[in-house]
Amino acid sequence: MPIAVDIDVMLARRKMSVGELADRVGITPANLAVLKNGRAKAVRFTTLAALCEVLKCQPGDLLRWEAEDASGGVLDVP
């Protein structure tokens, strides 16, 4: 998928566990894991806003676009 999720990076920077983030955001750890592992098909803006508020970051710190080549592989994007 061309959208990569970097929640784990922000969790490490904030020294916060997945369980603590899930509690503070108000979602289940299972749903947070789906989002964190890039398996989510969508994310609500309210959830994204809550993640940014708790992690004290911008949406671009959590989500980034990666170009794909014709075979579906990820290309290096500066």
Protein backbone atom coordinates (compact mmCIF):
# COMPACT_ATOMS: atom_id res chain seq x y z
CA MET A 1 0.00 0.00 0.00
CA PRO A 2 1.38 3.43 -0.85
CA ILE A 3 0.45 4.91 2.56
CA ALA A 4 2.85 3.92 5.34
CA VAL A 5 1.92 4.28 9.01
CA ASP A 6 4.63 5.39 11.45
CA ILE A 7 2.74 5.15 14.75
CA ASP A 8 5.41 2.80 16.11
CA VAL A 9 8.07 5.48 15.47
CA MET A 10 6.10 8.05 17.47
CA LEU A 11 5.41 5.53 20.24
CA ALA A 12 9.14 4.90 20.57
CA ARG A 13 9.91 8.64 20.60
CA ARG A 14 7.31 9.22 23.31
CA LYS A 15 8.31 6.07 25.24
CA MET A 16 4.67 4.98 25.26
CA SER A 17 3.15 1.51 24.96
CA VAL A 18 0.45 0.51 22.49
CA GLY A 19 -1.88 -0.20 25.40
CA GLU A 20 -1.34 3.23 26.94
CA LEU A 21 -1.90 4.97 23.60
CA ALA A 22 -5.07 2.96 22.96
CA ASP A 23 -6.42 3.87 26.41
CA ARG A 24 -5.63 7.56 26.01
CA VAL A 25 -7.08 7.73 22.47
CA GLY A 26 -10.16 5.70 23.36
CA ILE A 27 -9.79 2.80 20.92
CA THR A 28 -9.11 -0.87 21.51
CA PRO A 29 -5.53 -2.15 21.40
CA ALA A 30 -6.64 -4.51 18.60
CA ASN A 31 -7.91 -1.63 16.45
CA LEU A 32 -4.75 0.37 17.15
CA ALA A 33 -2.66 -2.65 16.10
CA VAL A 34 -4.58 -2.87 12.79
CA LEU A 35 -3.84 0.79 12.14
CA LYS A 36 -0.22 0.59 13.36
CA ASN A 37 0.56 -2.43 11.19
CA GLY A 38 -0.82 -0.82 8.03
CA ARG A 39 -3.76 -3.19 7.68
CA ALA A 40 -6.45 -0.50 8.08
CA LYS A 41 -8.38 0.56 4.99
CA ALA A 42 -9.42 3.89 6.53
CA VAL A 43 -8.96 6.05 9.59
CA ARG A 44 -11.48 8.53 10.97
CA PHE A 45 -10.29 12.09 11.27
CA THR A 46 -11.44 12.08 14.90
CA THR A 47 -9.16 9.11 15.59
CA LEU A 48 -6.27 10.74 13.71
CA ALA A 49 -6.82 13.96 15.65
CA ALA A 50 -6.86 12.07 18.96
CA LEU A 51 -3.65 10.23 18.03
CA CYS A 52 -1.98 13.55 17.18
CA GLU A 53 -3.20 15.16 20.41
CA VAL A 54 -1.93 12.33 22.61
CA LEU A 55 1.37 11.92 20.73
CA LYS A 56 1.79 15.70 20.34
CA CYS A 57 2.51 15.44 16.63
CA GLN A 58 1.13 16.29 13.19
CA PRO A 59 -0.72 13.83 10.89
CA GLY A 60 2.33 13.80 8.61
CA ASP A 61 4.36 12.39 11.49
CA LEU A 62 2.07 9.34 11.51
CA LEU A 63 1.27 8.87 7.81
CA ARG A 64 3.45 9.11 4.72
CA TRP A 65 3.07 8.28 1.05
CA GLU A 66 5.40 5.80 -0.68
CA ALA A 67 5.43 5.48 -4.46
CA GLU A 68 4.90 2.01 -5.92
CA ASP A 69 6.46 0.64 -9.09
CA ALA A 70 4.44 -1.32 -11.68
CA SER A 71 4.97 -4.62 -9.83
CA GLY A 72 3.63 -3.19 -6.56
CA GLY A 73 7.02 -2.74 -4.92
CA VAL A 74 7.94 0.43 -3.09
CA LEU A 75 10.19 2.92 -4.85
CA ASP A 76 12.75 5.06 -3.06
CA VAL A 77 11.26 8.53 -2.66
CA PRO A 78 13.51 11.29 -1.30
